[in-house]
Amino acid sequence: MTLSSVAIAIIVGLAGYIAAPFLFIFTIGMLGYSAAGIAAGSWAASFMASYGGTVVVGSICVVLQSIGAAGLGAVGTVVVSIVGALAGVAAVVVAALFG
Protein backbone atom coordinates (compact mmCIF):
# COMPACT_ATOMS: atom_id res chain seq x y z
CA MET A 1 0.00 0.00 0.00
CA THR A 2 1.22 3.46 -0.83
CA LEU A 3 1.23 6.43 1.51
CA SER A 4 -1.88 7.82 -0.18
CA SER A 5 -3.66 4.48 0.33
CA VAL A 6 -2.77 4.59 4.02
CA ALA A 7 -4.08 8.16 4.27
CA ILE A 8 -7.33 7.13 2.58
CA ALA A 9 -7.65 4.16 4.95
CA ILE A 10 -7.20 6.46 7.95
CA ILE A 11 -9.79 8.95 6.65
CA VAL A 12 -12.33 6.23 5.79
CA GLY A 13 -11.69 4.55 9.15
CA LEU A 14 -12.29 7.83 10.96
CA ALA A 15 -15.47 8.40 8.96
CA GLY A 16 -16.65 4.89 9.87
CA TYR A 17 -15.82 5.53 13.53
CA ILE A 18 -17.92 8.70 13.56
CA ALA A 19 -20.81 7.55 11.35
CA ALA A 20 -21.36 4.00 12.60
CA PRO A 21 -23.27 4.83 15.83
CA PHE A 22 -25.62 7.18 13.98
CA LEU A 23 -26.25 4.65 11.22
CA PHE A 24 -26.78 1.87 13.74
CA ILE A 25 -29.34 3.84 15.76
CA PHE A 26 -31.06 4.96 12.54
CA THR A 27 -31.29 1.34 11.37
CA ILE A 28 -32.70 0.19 14.72
CA GLY A 29 -35.37 2.89 14.47
CA MET A 30 -36.21 1.98 10.89
CA LEU A 31 -36.72 -1.64 11.95
CA GLY A 32 -39.41 -0.46 14.37
CA TYR A 33 -37.67 -0.18 17.75
CA SER A 34 -38.28 3.15 19.50
CA ALA A 35 -38.64 4.87 22.86
CA ALA A 36 -42.40 4.37 22.56
CA GLY A 37 -41.98 0.61 22.12
CA ILE A 38 -42.11 -1.65 19.11
CA ALA A 39 -44.03 -0.10 16.21
CA ALA A 40 -47.08 -2.03 15.06
CA GLY A 41 -46.71 -3.59 11.61
CA SER A 42 -42.92 -3.18 11.59
CA TRP A 43 -40.19 -5.75 11.12
CA ALA A 44 -39.60 -5.53 14.88
CA ALA A 45 -43.23 -6.49 15.53
CA SER A 46 -42.91 -9.50 13.24
CA PHE A 47 -39.65 -10.49 14.93
CA MET A 48 -41.25 -10.18 18.37
CA ALA A 49 -44.22 -12.26 17.22
CA SER A 50 -41.82 -15.00 16.10
CA TYR A 51 -41.00 -15.58 19.76
CA GLY A 52 -44.51 -16.97 20.23
CA GLY A 53 -45.47 -14.59 23.03
CA THR A 54 -42.51 -15.34 25.30
CA VAL A 55 -39.64 -12.91 24.86
CA VAL A 56 -36.92 -13.86 27.32
CA VAL A 57 -34.61 -11.46 29.11
CA GLY A 58 -31.37 -10.97 27.21
CA SER A 59 -32.77 -12.08 23.85
CA ILE A 60 -31.80 -10.15 20.74
CA CYS A 61 -35.33 -8.73 20.57
CA VAL A 62 -35.00 -7.31 24.09
CA VAL A 63 -31.53 -5.94 23.41
CA LEU A 64 -32.66 -4.21 20.21
CA GLN A 65 -35.69 -2.72 21.98
CA SER A 66 -33.46 -1.46 24.76
CA ILE A 67 -31.18 0.22 22.21
CA GLY A 68 -34.19 1.69 20.42
CA ALA A 69 -35.58 3.07 23.67
CA ALA A 70 -32.44 4.28 25.44
CA GLY A 71 -29.67 4.39 22.84
CA LEU A 72 -26.34 2.61 22.81
CA GLY A 73 -24.80 3.99 25.97
CA ALA A 74 -21.11 4.79 26.29
CA VAL A 75 -19.72 1.28 25.88
CA GLY A 76 -22.09 0.44 23.03
CA THR A 77 -21.17 3.63 21.20
CA VAL A 78 -17.46 2.86 21.47
CA VAL A 79 -17.96 -0.75 20.32
CA VAL A 80 -20.08 0.26 17.31
CA SER A 81 -17.61 3.04 16.47
CA ILE A 82 -14.68 0.64 16.51
CA VAL A 83 -16.55 -1.83 14.31
CA GLY A 84 -17.35 1.02 11.90
CA ALA A 85 -13.71 2.10 11.79
CA LEU A 86 -12.50 -1.44 11.20
CA ALA A 87 -15.06 -1.96 8.44
CA GLY A 88 -13.98 1.26 6.74
CA VAL A 89 -10.28 0.41 6.90
CA ALA A 90 -10.94 -3.16 5.76
CA ALA A 91 -12.89 -1.91 2.75
CA VAL A 92 -10.00 0.32 1.69
CA VAL A 93 -7.44 -2.44 2.20
CA VAL A 94 -9.49 -4.93 0.19
CA ALA A 95 -9.98 -2.37 -2.58
CA ALA A 96 -6.25 -1.65 -2.63
CA LEU A 97 -5.32 -5.31 -2.74
CA PHE A 98 -7.94 -6.58 -5.18
CA GLY A 99 -9.22 -3.45 -6.92
PDB file of N, CA and C in Angstrom:
ATOM      1  N   MET A   1       0.844  -1.187   0.000  1.00  0.00           N
ATOM      2  CA  MET A   1       0.000   0.000   0.000  1.00  0.00           C
ATOM      3  C   MET A   1       0.882   1.241   0.000  1.00  0.00           C
ATOM      4  N   THR A   2       0.471   2.207  -0.755  1.00  0.00           N
ATOM      5  CA  THR A   2       1.222   3.458  -0.827  1.00  0.00           C
ATOM      6  C   THR A   2       0.810   4.371   0.317  1.00  0.00           C
ATOM      7  N   LEU A   3       1.540   5.462   0.466  1.00  0.00           N
ATOM      8  CA  LEU A   3       1.226   6.433   1.509  1.00  0.00           C
ATOM      9  C   LEU A   3      -0.159   7.018   1.315  1.00  0.00           C
ATOM     10  N   SER A   4      -0.545   7.273   0.059  1.00  0.00           N
ATOM     11  CA  SER A   4      -1.883   7.821  -0.178  1.00  0.00           C
ATOM     12  C   SER A   4      -2.969   6.807   0.174  1.00  0.00           C
ATOM     13  N   SER A   5      -2.699   5.525  -0.045  1.00  0.00           N
ATOM     14  CA  SER A   5      -3.663   4.483   0.335  1.00  0.00           C
ATOM     15  C   SER A   5      -3.826   4.419   1.849  1.00  0.00           C
ATOM     16  N   VAL A   6      -2.708   4.590   2.556  1.00  0.00           N
ATOM     17  CA  VAL A   6      -2.770   4.594   4.017  1.00  0.00           C
ATOM     18  C   VAL A   6      -3.570   5.804   4.507  1.00  0.00           C
ATOM     19  N   ALA A   7      -3.340   6.959   3.894  1.00  0.00           N
ATOM     20  CA  ALA A   7      -4.080   8.164   4.272  1.00  0.00           C
ATOM     21  C   ALA A   7      -5.577   7.980   4.026  1.00  0.00           C
ATOM     22  N   ILE A   8      -5.913   7.386   2.888  1.00  0.00           N
ATOM     23  CA  ILE A   8      -7.327   7.130   2.580  1.00  0.00           C
ATOM     24  C   ILE A   8      -7.918   6.162   3.595  1.00  0.00           C
ATOM     25  N   ALA A   9      -7.172   5.123   3.957  1.00  0.00           N
ATOM     26  CA  ALA A   9      -7.655   4.157   4.951  1.00  0.00           C
ATOM     27  C   ALA A   9      -7.908   4.838   6.289  1.00  0.00           C
ATOM     28  N   ILE A  10      -7.017   5.738   6.687  1.00  0.00           N
ATOM     29  CA  ILE A  10      -7.204   6.463   7.953  1.00  0.00           C
ATOM     30  C   ILE A  10      -8.437   7.349   7.887  1.00  0.00           C
ATOM     31  N   ILE A  11      -8.628   8.055   6.788  1.00  0.00           N
ATOM     32  CA  ILE A  11      -9.788   8.947   6.649  1.00  0.00           C
ATOM     33  C   ILE A  11     -11.090   8.146   6.632  1.00  0.00           C
ATOM     34  N   VAL A  12     -11.109   7.060   5.863  1.00  0.00           N
ATOM     35  CA  VAL A  12     -12.325   6.229   5.792  1.00  0.00           C
ATOM     36  C   VAL A  12     -12.586   5.567   7.145  1.00  0.00           C
ATOM     37  N   GLY A  13     -11.528   5.119   7.817  1.00  0.00           N
ATOM     38  CA  GLY A  13     -11.694   4.546   9.151  1.00  0.00           C
ATOM     39  C   GLY A  13     -12.266   5.544  10.135  1.00  0.00           C
ATOM     40  N   LEU A  14     -11.767   6.786  10.089  1.00  0.00           N
ATOM     41  CA  LEU A  14     -12.290   7.835  10.965  1.00  0.00           C
ATOM     42  C   LEU A  14     -13.748   8.137  10.650  1.00  0.00           C
ATOM     43  N   ALA A  15     -14.076   8.174   9.356  1.00  0.00           N
ATOM     44  CA  ALA A  15     -15.466   8.401   8.957  1.00  0.00           C
ATOM     45  C   ALA A  15     -16.363   7.272   9.464  1.00  0.00           C
ATOM     46  N   GLY A  16     -15.883   6.032   9.358  1.00  0.00           N
ATOM     47  CA  GLY A  16     -16.645   4.889   9.874  1.00  0.00           C
ATOM     48  C   GLY A  16     -16.822   4.971  11.377  1.00  0.00           C
ATOM     49  N   TYR A  17     -15.772   5.392  12.067  1.00  0.00           N
ATOM     50  CA  TYR A  17     -15.819   5.530  13.530  1.00  0.00           C
ATOM     51  C   TYR A  17     -16.877   6.541  13.944  1.00  0.00           C
ATOM     52  N   ILE A  18     -16.964   7.642  13.217  1.00  0.00           N
ATOM     53  CA  ILE A  18     -17.921   8.696  13.559  1.00  0.00           C
ATOM     54  C   ILE A  18     -19.342   8.334  13.121  1.00  0.00           C
ATOM     55  N   ALA A  19     -19.483   7.791  11.927  1.00  0.00           N
ATOM     56  CA  ALA A  19     -20.811   7.555  11.351  1.00  0.00           C
ATOM     57  C   ALA A  19     -21.515   6.306  11.874  1.00  0.00           C
ATOM     58  N   ALA A  20     -20.760   5.289  12.251  1.00  0.00           N
ATOM     59  CA  ALA A  20     -21.362   3.998  12.600  1.00  0.00           C
ATOM     60  C   ALA A  20     -22.434   4.083  13.694  1.00  0.00           C
ATOM     61  N   PRO A  21     -22.218   4.783  14.811  1.00  0.00           N
ATOM     62  CA  PRO A  21     -23.274   4.831  15.832  1.00  0.00           C
ATOM     63  C   PRO A  21     -24.569   5.472  15.322  1.00  0.00           C
ATOM     64  N   PHE A  22     -24.431   6.525  14.526  1.00  0.00           N
ATOM     65  CA  PHE A  22     -25.622   7.182  13.982  1.00  0.00           C
ATOM     66  C   PHE A  22     -26.367   6.264  13.022  1.00  0.00           C
ATOM     67  N   LEU A  23     -25.627   5.589  12.157  1.00  0.00           N
ATOM     68  CA  LEU A  23     -26.247   4.654  11.215  1.00  0.00           C
ATOM     69  C   LEU A  23     -26.881   3.470  11.927  1.00  0.00           C
ATOM     70  N   PHE A  24     -26.237   2.989  12.979  1.00  0.00           N
ATOM     71  CA  PHE A  24     -26.776   1.867  13.738  1.00  0.00           C
ATOM     72  C   PHE A  24     -28.096   2.240  14.405  1.00  0.00           C
ATOM     73  N   ILE A  25     -28.115   3.387  15.093  1.00  0.00           N
ATOM     74  CA  ILE A  25     -29.344   3.844  15.763  1.00  0.00           C
ATOM     75  C   ILE A  25     -30.439   4.111  14.731  1.00  0.00           C
ATOM     76  N   PHE A  26     -30.091   4.709  13.594  1.00  0.00           N
ATOM     77  CA  PHE A  26     -31.064   4.962  12.536  1.00  0.00           C
ATOM     78  C   PHE A  26     -31.666   3.649  12.045  1.00  0.00           C
ATOM     79  N   THR A  27     -30.821   2.642  11.839  1.00  0.00           N
ATOM     80  CA  THR A  27     -31.294   1.335  11.369  1.00  0.00           C
ATOM     81  C   THR A  27     -32.217   0.679  12.390  1.00  0.00           C
ATOM     82  N   ILE A  28     -31.853   0.754  13.661  1.00  0.00           N
ATOM     83  CA  ILE A  28     -32.702   0.187  14.721  1.00  0.00           C
ATOM     84  C   ILE A  28     -34.078   0.853  14.696  1.00  0.00           C
ATOM     85  N   GLY A  29     -34.097   2.166  14.551  1.00  0.00           N
ATOM     86  CA  GLY A  29     -35.366   2.886  14.471  1.00  0.00           C
ATOM     87  C   GLY A  29     -36.183   2.509  13.249  1.00  0.00           C
ATOM     88  N   MET A  30     -35.504   2.347  12.112  1.00  0.00           N
ATOM     89  CA  MET A  30     -36.213   1.975  10.888  1.00  0.00           C
ATOM     90  C   MET A  30     -36.798   0.565  10.971  1.00  0.00           C
ATOM     91  N   LEU A  31     -36.186  -0.288  11.767  1.00  0.00           N
ATOM     92  CA  LEU A  31     -36.719  -1.643  11.949  1.00  0.00           C
ATOM     93  C   LEU A  31     -37.976  -1.653  12.817  1.00  0.00           C
ATOM     94  N   GLY A  32     -38.196  -0.562  13.577  1.00  0.00           N
ATOM     95  CA  GLY A  32     -39.411  -0.459  14.367  1.00  0.00           C
ATOM     96  C   GLY A  32     -39.204  -0.396  15.868  1.00  0.00           C
ATOM     97  N   TYR A  33     -37.960  -0.290  16.316  1.00  0.00           N
ATOM     98  CA  TYR A  33     -37.668  -0.181  17.746  1.00  0.00           C
ATOM     99  C   TYR A  33     -37.563   1.297  18.100  1.00  0.00           C
ATOM    100  N   SER A  34     -38.305   1.732  19.139  1.00  0.00           N
ATOM    101  CA  SER A  34     -38.278   3.147  19.504  1.00  0.00           C
ATOM    102  C   SER A  34     -38.505   3.317  21.003  1.00  0.00           C
ATOM    103  N   ALA A  35     -38.400   4.557  21.445  1.00  0.00           N
ATOM    104  CA  ALA A  35     -38.635   4.872  22.856  1.00  0.00           C
ATOM    105  C   ALA A  35     -40.080   4.583  23.246  1.00  0.00           C
ATOM    106  N   ALA A  36     -40.984   4.639  22.288  1.00  0.00           N
ATOM    107  CA  ALA A  36     -42.397   4.374  22.559  1.00  0.00           C
ATOM    108  C   ALA A  36     -42.734   2.879  22.515  1.00  0.00           C
ATOM    109  N   GLY A  37     -41.749   2.053  22.212  1.00  0.00           N
ATOM    110  CA  GLY A  37     -41.977   0.609  22.120  1.00  0.00           C
ATOM    111  C   GLY A  37     -41.825   0.144  20.684  1.00  0.00           C
ATOM    112  N   ILE A  38     -42.215  -1.079  20.444  1.00  0.00           N
ATOM    113  CA  ILE A  38     -42.112  -1.653  19.105  1.00  0.00           C
ATOM    114  C   ILE A  38     -43.293  -1.181  18.270  1.00  0.00           C
ATOM    115  N   ALA A  39     -43.003  -0.652  17.087  1.00  0.00           N
ATOM    116  CA  ALA A  39     -44.033  -0.103  16.214  1.00  0.00           C
ATOM    117  C   ALA A  39     -44.870  -1.224  15.593  1.00  0.00           C
ATOM    118  N   ALA A  40     -46.168  -1.052  15.649  1.00  0.00           N
ATOM    119  CA  ALA A  40     -47.082  -2.030  15.062  1.00  0.00           C
ATOM    120  C   ALA A  40     -46.848  -2.144  13.560  1.00  0.00           C
ATOM    121  N   GLY A  41     -46.865  -3.347  13.040  1.00  0.00           N
ATOM    122  CA  GLY A  41     -46.709  -3.589  11.614  1.00  0.00           C
ATOM    123  C   GLY A  41     -45.277  -3.516  11.108  1.00  0.00           C
ATOM    124  N   SER A  42     -44.320  -3.305  11.988  1.00  0.00           N
ATOM    125  CA  SER A  42     -42.921  -3.182  11.588  1.00  0.00           C
ATOM    126  C   SER A  42     -42.237  -4.543  11.570  1.00  0.00           C
ATOM    127  N   TRP A  43     -41.000  -4.545  11.075  1.00  0.00           N
ATOM    128  CA  TRP A  43     -40.193  -5.753  11.121  1.00  0.00           C
ATOM    129  C   TRP A  43     -40.000  -6.183  12.562  1.00  0.00           C
ATOM    130  N   ALA A  44     -39.799  -5.215  13.463  1.00  0.00           N
ATOM    131  CA  ALA A  44     -39.599  -5.525  14.881  1.00  0.00           C
ATOM    132  C   ALA A  44     -40.817  -6.242  15.462  1.00  0.00           C
ATOM    133  N   ALA A  45     -42.014  -5.830  15.044  1.00  0.00           N
ATOM    134  CA  ALA A  45     -43.227  -6.487  15.525  1.00  0.00           C
ATOM    135  C   ALA A  45     -43.300  -7.930  15.027  1.00  0.00           C
ATOM    136  N   SER A  46     -42.927  -8.144  13.789  1.00  0.00           N
ATOM    137  CA  SER A  46     -42.907  -9.504  13.245  1.00  0.00           C
ATOM    138  C   SER A  46     -41.871 -10.365  13.967  1.00  0.00           C
ATOM    139  N   PHE A  47     -40.711  -9.772  14.240  1.00  0.00           N
ATOM    140  CA  PHE A  47     -39.653 -10.491  14.934  1.00  0.00           C
ATOM    141  C   PHE A  47     -40.099 -10.855  16.343  1.00  0.00           C
ATOM    142  N   MET A  48     -40.755  -9.913  17.017  1.00  0.00           N
ATOM    143  CA  MET A  48     -41.245 -10.183  18.368  1.00  0.00           C
ATOM    144  C   MET A  48     -42.313 -11.276  18.342  1.00  0.00           C
ATOM    145  N   ALA A  49     -43.181 -11.247  17.340  1.00  0.00           N
ATOM    146  CA  ALA A  49     -44.223 -12.263  17.217  1.00  0.00           C
ATOM    147  C   ALA A  49     -43.629 -13.653  16.987  1.00  0.00           C
ATOM    148  N   SER A  50     -42.450 -13.702  16.366  1.00  0.00           N
ATOM    149  CA  SER A  50     -41.820 -14.999  16.099  1.00  0.00           C
ATOM    150  C   SER A  50     -41.389 -15.710  17.376  1.00  0.00           C
ATOM    151  N   TYR A  51     -41.344 -14.976  18.479  1.00  0.00           N
ATOM    152  CA  TYR A  51     -41.000 -15.584  19.761  1.00  0.00           C
ATOM    153  C   TYR A  51     -42.190 -16.333  20.371  1.00  0.00           C
ATOM    154  N   GLY A  52     -43.345 -16.232  19.766  1.00  0.00           N
ATOM    155  CA  GLY A  52     -44.512 -16.970  20.232  1.00  0.00           C
ATOM    156  C   GLY A  52     -45.080 -16.453  21.550  1.00  0.00           C
ATOM    157  N   GLY A  53     -44.892 -15.178  21.824  1.00  0.00           N
ATOM    158  CA  GLY A  53     -45.466 -14.593  23.029  1.00  0.00           C
ATOM    159  C   GLY A  53     -44.571 -14.612  24.248  1.00  0.00           C
ATOM    160  N   THR A  54     -43.434 -15.273  24.165  1.00  0.00           N
ATOM    161  CA  THR A  54     -42.514 -15.339  25.299  1.00  0.00           C
ATOM    162  C   THR A  54     -41.157 -14.794  24.871  1.00  0.00           C
ATOM    163  N   VAL A  55     -40.918 -13.537  25.179  1.00  0.00           N
ATOM    164  CA  VAL A  55     -39.643 -12.913  24.858  1.00  0.00           C
ATOM    165  C   VAL A  55     -38.808 -12.925  26.133  1.00  0.00           C
ATOM    166  N   VAL A  56     -37.731 -13.671  26.118  1.00  0.00           N
ATOM    167  CA  VAL A  56     -36.925 -13.857  27.323  1.00  0.00           C
ATOM    168  C   VAL A  56     -35.934 -12.721  27.520  1.00  0.00           C
ATOM    169  N   VAL A  57     -35.592 -12.487  28.758  1.00  0.00           N
ATOM    170  CA  VAL A  57     -34.614 -11.461  29.108  1.00  0.00           C
ATOM    171  C   VAL A  57     -33.281 -11.787  28.450  1.00  0.00           C
ATOM    172  N   GLY A  58     -32.659 -10.788  27.848  1.00  0.00           N
ATOM    173  CA  GLY A  58     -31.371 -10.974  27.212  1.00  0.00           C
ATOM    174  C   GLY A  58     -31.435 -11.427  25.767  1.00  0.00           C
ATOM    175  N   SER A  59     -32.643 -11.664  25.249  1.00  0.00           N
ATOM    176  CA  SER A  59     -32.767 -12.080  23.852  1.00  0.00           C
ATOM    177  C   SER A  59     -32.433 -10.900  22.942  1.00  0.00           C
ATOM    178  N   ILE A  60     -32.152 -11.207  21.687  1.00  0.00           N
ATOM    179  CA  ILE A  60     -31.798 -10.146  20.742  1.00  0.00           C
ATOM    180  C   ILE A  60     -32.945  -9.155  20.586  1.00  0.00           C
ATOM    181  N   CYS A  61     -34.172  -9.630  20.664  1.00  0.00           N
ATOM    182  CA  CYS A  61     -35.329  -8.733  20.566  1.00  0.00           C
ATOM    183  C   CYS A  61     -35.322  -7.725  21.713  1.00  0.00           C
ATOM    184  N   VAL A  62     -35.045  -8.183  22.912  1.00  0.00           N
ATOM    185  CA  VAL A  62     -35.003  -7.309  24.085  1.00  0.00           C
ATOM    186  C   VAL A  62     -33.838  -6.328  23.985  1.00  0.00           C
ATOM    187  N   VAL A  63     -32.698  -6.806  23.538  1.00  0.00           N
ATOM    188  CA  VAL A  63     -31.529  -5.937  23.406  1.00  0.00           C
ATOM    189  C   VAL A  63     -31.787  -4.843  22.377  1.00  0.00           C
ATOM    190  N   LEU A  64     -32.355  -5.206  21.233  1.00  0.00           N
ATOM    191  CA  LEU A  64     -32.660  -4.213  20.210  1.00  0.00           C
ATOM    192  C   LEU A  64     -33.693  -3.198  20.703  1.00  0.00           C
ATOM    193  N   GLN A  65     -34.706  -3.655  21.440  1.00  0.00           N
ATOM    194  CA  GLN A  65     -35.691  -2.721  21.975  1.00  0.00           C
ATOM    195  C   GLN A  65     -35.053  -1.774  22.993  1.00  0.00           C
ATOM    196  N   SER A  66     -34.162  -2.294  23.795  1.00  0.00           N
ATOM    197  CA  SER A  66     -33.456  -1.459  24.760  1.00  0.00           C
ATOM    198  C   SER A  66     -32.637  -0.377  24.056  1.00  0.00           C
ATOM    199  N   ILE A  67     -31.953  -0.757  22.985  1.00  0.00           N
ATOM    200  CA  ILE A  67     -31.177   0.216  22.214  1.00  0.00           C
ATOM    201  C   ILE A  67     -32.105   1.231  21.571  1.00  0.00           C
ATOM    202  N   GLY A  68     -33.233   0.775  21.032  1.00  0.00           N
ATOM    203  CA  GLY A  68     -34.194   1.688  20.423  1.00  0.00           C
ATOM    204  C   GLY A  68     -34.782   2.665  21.421  1.00  0.00           C
ATOM    205  N   ALA A  69     -34.975   2.219  22.647  1.00  0.00           N
ATOM    206  CA  ALA A  69     -35.576   3.070  23.668  1.00  0.00           C
ATOM    207  C   ALA A  69     -34.574   4.004  24.331  1.00  0.00           C
ATOM    208  N   ALA A  70     -33.379   3.497  24.631  1.00  0.00           N
ATOM    209  CA  ALA A  70     -32.438   4.277  25.442  1.00  0.00           C
ATOM    210  C   ALA A  70     -31.146   4.644  24.730  1.00  0.00           C
ATOM    211  N   GLY A  71     -30.914   4.115  23.539  1.00  0.00           N
ATOM    212  CA  GLY A  71     -29.666   4.392  22.839  1.00  0.00           C
ATOM    213  C   GLY A  71     -28.613   3.348  23.159  1.00  0.00           C
ATOM    214  N   LEU A  72     -27.420   3.580  22.663  1.00  0.00           N
ATOM    215  CA  LEU A  72     -26.344   2.605  22.812  1.00  0.00           C
ATOM    216  C   LEU A  72     -25.638   2.674  24.155  1.00  0.00           C
ATOM    217  N   GLY A  73     -25.603   3.822  24.771  1.00  0.00           N
ATOM    218  CA  GLY A  73     -24.803   3.991  25.973  1.00  0.00           C
ATOM    219  C   GLY A  73     -23.349   4.192  25.591  1.00  0.00           C
ATOM    220  N   ALA A  74     -22.519   4.477  26.558  1.00  0.00           N
ATOM    221  CA  ALA A  74     -21.113   4.793  26.291  1.00  0.00           C
ATOM    222  C   ALA A  74     -20.346   3.611  25.710  1.00  0.00           C
ATOM    223  N   VAL A  75     -20.465   2.464  26.343  1.00  0.00           N
ATOM    224  CA  VAL A  75     -19.722   1.283  25.879  1.00  0.00           C
ATOM    225  C   VAL A  75     -20.225   0.848  24.504  1.00  0.00           C
ATOM    226  N   GLY A  76     -21.530   0.821  24.318  1.00  0.00           N
ATOM    227  CA  GLY A  76     -22.095   0.437  23.026  1.00  0.00           C
ATOM    228  C   GLY A  76     -21.663   1.369  21.907  1.00  0.00           C
ATOM    229  N   THR A  77     -21.605   2.660  22.206  1.00  0.00           N
ATOM    230  CA  THR A  77     -21.173   3.630  21.204  1.00  0.00           C
ATOM    231  C   THR A  77     -19.724   3.387  20.798  1.00  0.00           C
ATOM    232  N   VAL A  78     -18.870   3.129  21.776  1.00  0.00           N
ATOM    233  CA  VAL A  78     -17.461   2.861  21.473  1.00  0.00           C
ATOM    234  C   VAL A  78     -17.326   1.577  20.656  1.00  0.00           C
ATOM    235  N   VAL A  79     -18.047   0.529  21.040  1.00  0.00           N
ATOM    236  CA  VAL A  79     -17.960  -0.749  20.320  1.00  0.00           C
ATOM    237  C   VAL A  79     -18.424  -0.576  18.870  1.00  0.00           C
ATOM    238  N   VAL A  80     -19.559   0.066  18.670  1.00  0.00           N
ATOM    239  CA  VAL A  80     -20.079   0.257  17.311  1.00  0.00           C
ATOM    240  C   VAL A  80     -19.141   1.158  16.514  1.00  0.00           C
ATOM    241  N   SER A  81     -18.567   2.166  17.156  1.00  0.00           N
ATOM    242  CA  SER A  81     -17.612   3.043  16.474  1.00  0.00           C
ATOM    243  C   SER A  81     -16.378   2.277  16.016  1.00  0.00           C
ATOM    244  N   ILE A  82     -15.862   1.426  16.874  1.00  0.00           N
ATOM    245  CA  ILE A  82     -14.675   0.640  16.512  1.00  0.00           C
ATOM    246  C   ILE A  82     -14.986  -0.309  15.365  1.00  0.00           C
ATOM    247  N   VAL A  83     -16.151  -0.943  15.410  1.00  0.00           N
ATOM    248  CA  VAL A  83     -16.548  -1.832  14.312  1.00  0.00           C
ATOM    249  C   VAL A  83     -16.663  -1.038  13.014  1.00  0.00           C
ATOM    250  N   GLY A  84     -17.242   0.172  13.084  1.00  0.00           N
ATOM    251  CA  GLY A  84     -17.351   1.024  11.901  1.00  0.00           C
ATOM    252  C   GLY A  84     -15.995   1.409  11.342  1.00  0.00           C
ATOM    253  N   ALA A  85     -15.063   1.742  12.229  1.00  0.00           N
ATOM    254  CA  ALA A  85     -13.714   2.102  11.789  1.00  0.00           C
ATOM    255  C   ALA A  85     -13.023   0.907  11.136  1.00  0.00           C
ATOM    256  N   LEU A  86     -13.124  -0.245  11.757  1.00  0.00           N
ATOM    257  CA  LEU A  86     -12.498  -1.445  11.197  1.00  0.00           C
ATOM    258  C   LEU A  86     -13.099  -1.808   9.840  1.00  0.00           C
ATOM    259  N   ALA A  87     -14.401  -1.666   9.714  1.00  0.00           N
ATOM    260  CA  ALA A  87     -15.055  -1.964   8.436  1.00  0.00           C
ATOM    261  C   ALA A  87     -14.589  -0.995   7.355  1.00  0.00           C
ATOM    262  N   GLY A  88     -14.461   0.276   7.710  1.00  0.00           N
ATOM    263  CA  GLY A  88     -13.980   1.259   6.745  1.00  0.00           C
ATOM    264  C   GLY A  88     -12.563   0.982   6.292  1.00  0.00           C
ATOM    265  N   VAL A  89     -11.676   0.710   7.230  1.00  0.00           N
ATOM    266  CA  VAL A  89     -10.282   0.409   6.895  1.00  0.00           C
ATOM    267  C   VAL A  89     -10.201  -0.891   6.085  1.00  0.00           C
ATOM    268  N   ALA A  90     -10.952  -1.891   6.483  1.00  0.00           N
ATOM    269  CA  ALA A  90     -10.941  -3.163   5.758  1.00  0.00           C
ATOM    270  C   ALA A  90     -11.399  -2.977   4.315  1.00  0.00           C
ATOM    271  N   ALA A  91     -12.409  -2.151   4.109  1.00  0.00           N
ATOM    272  CA  ALA A  91     -12.890  -1.912   2.746  1.00  0.00           C
ATOM    273  C   ALA A  91     -11.814  -1.273   1.883  1.00  0.00           C
ATOM    274  N   VAL A  92     -11.070  -0.327   2.448  1.00  0.00           N
ATOM    275  CA  VAL A  92      -9.997   0.321   1.689  1.00  0.00           C
ATOM    276  C   VAL A  92      -8.860  -0.662   1.405  1.00  0.00           C
ATOM    277  N   VAL A  93      -8.513  -1.467   2.380  1.00  0.00           N
ATOM    278  CA  VAL A  93      -7.435  -2.438   2.198  1.00  0.00           C
ATOM    279  C   VAL A  93      -7.820  -3.465   1.129  1.00  0.00           C
ATOM    280  N   VAL A  94      -9.035  -3.968   1.193  1.00  0.00           N
ATOM    281  CA  VAL A  94      -9.486  -4.934   0.192  1.00  0.00           C
ATOM    282  C   VAL A  94      -9.493  -4.296  -1.194  1.00  0.00           C
ATOM    283  N   ALA A  95      -9.970  -3.053  -1.284  1.00  0.00           N
ATOM    284  CA  ALA A  95      -9.984  -2.368  -2.583  1.00  0.00           C
ATOM    285  C   ALA A  95      -8.566  -2.166  -3.109  1.00  0.00           C
ATOM    286  N   ALA A  96      -7.635  -1.852  -2.204  1.00  0.00           N
ATOM    287  CA  ALA A  96      -6.252  -1.649  -2.634  1.00  0.00           C
ATOM    288  C   ALA A  96      -5.597  -2.951  -3.082  1.00  0.00           C
ATOM    289  N   LEU A  97      -5.941  -4.023  -2.419  1.00  0.00           N
ATOM    290  CA  LEU A  97      -5.324  -5.309  -2.744  1.00  0.00           C
ATOM    291  C   LEU A  97      -5.931  -5.970  -3.975  1.00  0.00           C
ATOM    292  N   PHE A  98      -7.253  -5.858  -4.120  1.00  0.00           N
ATOM    293  CA  PHE A  98      -7.945  -6.585  -5.183  1.00  0.00           C
ATOM    294  C   PHE A  98      -8.584  -5.690  -6.230  1.00  0.00           C
ATOM    295  N   GLY A  99      -8.561  -4.373  -6.004  1.00  0.00           N
ATOM    296  CA  GLY A  99      -9.219  -3.445  -6.919  1.00  0.00           C
ATOM    297  C   GLY A  99      -8.322  -3.013  -7.963  1.00  0.00           C
TER     298      GLY A  99
END
